[in-house]
Structures are given as C-alpha cells and as structure tokens.
Amino acid sequence: MNNTNLLNIAFEDLFKLTLGLIVDDLKVQKHLYHLSLGGLHTTLQLDLYRGIFILAGFKESDITEKLEDWYFEQTQRVNGIEITADEKALHDLSAEILEGLLKMRNEFYVKRVGS
C-alpha cells in the first residue's frame, strides 16, 4: 500500500477540529430555532453532523438513523443556552456531545468485533 497520500493530522488537532464543528453546528441549530420562533421556517440543512460523525470515527455506512436521532436530540439542548453570554456552556455541551459520540462509536465497533 502506498502511504504517501495518507492524511497526517495530530490527534489533538483532530479533537479540536471536531469540537469546533460541533460548536458551529450548535450555533446554526440555535439560529434556526430563533428563526422558527419568529415564524420563519427554513429547510436549510448543512449536514455538518455527517462530517462530525466521520471525524469521531464512524464509517459513512455505519451512520444510522438512531445515531442521527441521538445527535439531534443532544443539539436541541443548545436552545436552553444563551450562546452569546455563555460561551463556556456552549463548549461544555460540545464536549459532552463528542464524548457521547466516541462512547457510541466504541460500543458499536466492540459489538461488531464481538459478533
């Protein structure tokens, strides 16, 4: 196998990138929520969550509806946070979501290997 085209990224950078994408997704979710409160309904879908799942270690083919539902349920928690006044709470929620994704990924692949 030719390894010259492999992406080389430090774990810390990968972790920061993934957390940053979750933060961005939470901000988008919060803005869409406020638009809906104002009566505006949008079909805007950035699908950041798919990239987040891949960065968290899921294969595209292993992204299930159950995983997506769990993620969206978690992102709705941002609606209770005043993101302009409490940046720490936003980052804490992002870290909790990433931790949950990593736990689910580990459980998924342990089951797969054990089968």
Protein backbone atom coordinates (compact mmCIF):
# COMPACT_ATOMS: atom_id res chain seq x y z
CA MET A 1 0.00 0.00 0.00
CA ASN A 2 1.28 3.43 -0.90
CA ASN A 3 1.18 5.64 2.20
CA THR A 4 2.31 8.86 0.52
CA ASN A 5 -1.26 10.15 0.20
CA LEU A 6 -2.31 9.49 3.79
CA LEU A 7 -3.58 12.44 5.77
CA ASN A 8 -1.42 13.11 8.77
CA ILE A 9 -3.18 15.08 11.49
CA ALA A 10 -2.30 15.15 15.16
CA PHE A 11 -4.89 13.70 17.50
CA GLU A 12 -5.13 16.98 19.40
CA ASP A 13 -5.84 18.86 16.18
CA LEU A 14 -8.44 16.30 15.13
CA PHE A 15 -10.10 16.64 18.54
CA LYS A 16 -10.13 20.45 18.31
CA LEU A 17 -11.47 20.36 14.76
CA THR A 18 -14.28 18.01 15.73
CA LEU A 19 -15.22 20.09 18.77
CA GLY A 20 -15.15 23.23 16.63
CA LEU A 21 -17.51 21.69 14.08
CA ILE A 22 -19.90 20.68 16.86
CA VAL A 23 -19.79 24.24 18.22
CA ASP A 24 -20.55 25.58 14.74
CA ASP A 25 -23.40 23.11 14.29
CA LEU A 26 -24.85 24.12 17.65
CA LYS A 27 -24.73 27.79 16.65
CA VAL A 28 -26.56 27.00 13.41
CA GLN A 29 -29.17 24.99 15.33
CA LYS A 30 -29.67 27.89 17.75
CA HIS A 31 -30.14 30.40 14.92
CA LEU A 32 -32.60 28.12 13.12
CA TYR A 33 -34.51 27.73 16.38
CA HIS A 34 -34.79 31.51 16.77
CA LEU A 35 -35.92 31.87 13.16
CA SER A 36 -38.65 29.31 13.80
CA LEU A 37 -39.78 31.25 16.88
CA GLY A 38 -40.21 34.26 14.60
CA GLY A 39 -42.40 32.24 12.28
CA LEU A 40 -39.78 31.61 9.63
CA HIS A 41 -39.33 28.01 8.68
CA THR A 42 -36.30 27.06 6.69
CA THR A 43 -35.17 23.90 5.04
CA LEU A 44 -31.52 24.88 5.47
CA GLN A 45 -29.56 21.74 6.10
CA LEU A 46 -25.78 21.99 6.33
CA ASP A 47 -25.30 18.33 7.24
CA LEU A 48 -22.31 19.20 9.43
CA TYR A 49 -23.26 16.24 11.58
CA ARG A 50 -22.12 13.77 8.89
CA GLY A 51 -18.60 15.20 8.90
CA ILE A 52 -18.64 15.23 12.69
CA PHE A 53 -19.56 11.54 12.74
CA ILE A 54 -16.74 10.71 10.31
CA LEU A 55 -14.22 12.69 12.39
CA ALA A 56 -15.47 10.88 15.51
CA GLY A 57 -14.55 7.60 13.84
CA PHE A 58 -17.77 6.34 12.27
CA LYS A 59 -17.70 4.94 8.77
CA GLU A 60 -20.24 6.54 6.43
CA SER A 61 -22.01 3.20 6.06
CA ASP A 62 -22.38 2.89 9.86
CA ILE A 63 -24.22 6.18 10.38
CA THR A 64 -27.66 5.06 11.44
CA GLU A 65 -30.95 6.84 11.97
CA LYS A 66 -30.62 6.03 15.68
CA LEU A 67 -27.25 7.80 15.81
CA GLU A 68 -28.62 10.81 13.93
CA ASP A 69 -31.67 10.98 16.24
CA TRP A 70 -29.43 10.87 19.32
CA TYR A 71 -27.23 13.64 17.92
CA PHE A 72 -30.16 15.91 17.03
CA GLU A 73 -31.70 15.32 20.45
CA GLN A 74 -28.42 16.46 22.02
CA THR A 75 -28.11 19.53 19.78
CA GLN A 76 -31.57 20.70 20.83
CA ARG A 77 -30.12 21.28 24.29
CA VAL A 78 -28.41 24.39 22.85
CA ASN A 79 -31.80 26.12 22.82
CA GLY A 80 -31.57 26.47 26.59
CA ILE A 81 -28.18 28.18 26.42
CA GLU A 82 -27.63 31.88 25.81
CA ILE A 83 -24.68 31.35 23.48
CA THR A 84 -23.63 34.99 23.29
CA ALA A 85 -23.41 35.29 27.06
CA ASP A 86 -22.20 31.81 27.97
CA GLU A 87 -19.55 30.57 25.55
CA LYS A 88 -18.31 28.08 28.16
CA ALA A 89 -21.69 26.34 28.31
CA LEU A 90 -21.63 26.03 24.52
CA HIS A 91 -18.18 24.43 24.60
CA ASP A 92 -19.17 22.18 27.50
CA LEU A 93 -22.20 20.93 25.57
CA SER A 94 -20.00 20.32 22.53
CA ALA A 95 -17.58 18.29 24.64
CA GLU A 96 -20.46 16.25 26.10
CA ILE A 97 -21.78 15.52 22.61
CA LEU A 98 -18.34 14.45 21.35
CA GLU A 99 -17.84 12.28 24.41
CA GLY A 100 -21.20 10.63 23.75
CA LEU A 101 -20.32 10.06 20.09
CA LEU A 102 -17.00 8.47 21.00
CA LYS A 103 -18.69 6.22 23.54
CA MET A 104 -21.31 5.16 21.00
CA ARG A 105 -18.62 4.53 18.38
CA ASN A 106 -16.67 2.33 20.77
CA GLU A 107 -19.78 0.38 21.78
CA PHE A 108 -20.78 -0.06 18.12
CA TYR A 109 -17.44 -1.40 16.98
CA VAL A 110 -16.93 -3.60 20.06
CA LYS A 111 -20.29 -5.24 19.29
CA ARG A 112 -19.29 -5.66 15.65
CA VAL A 113 -15.94 -7.27 16.53
CA GLY A 114 -17.58 -9.48 19.15
CA SER A 115 -20.19 -10.78 16.70
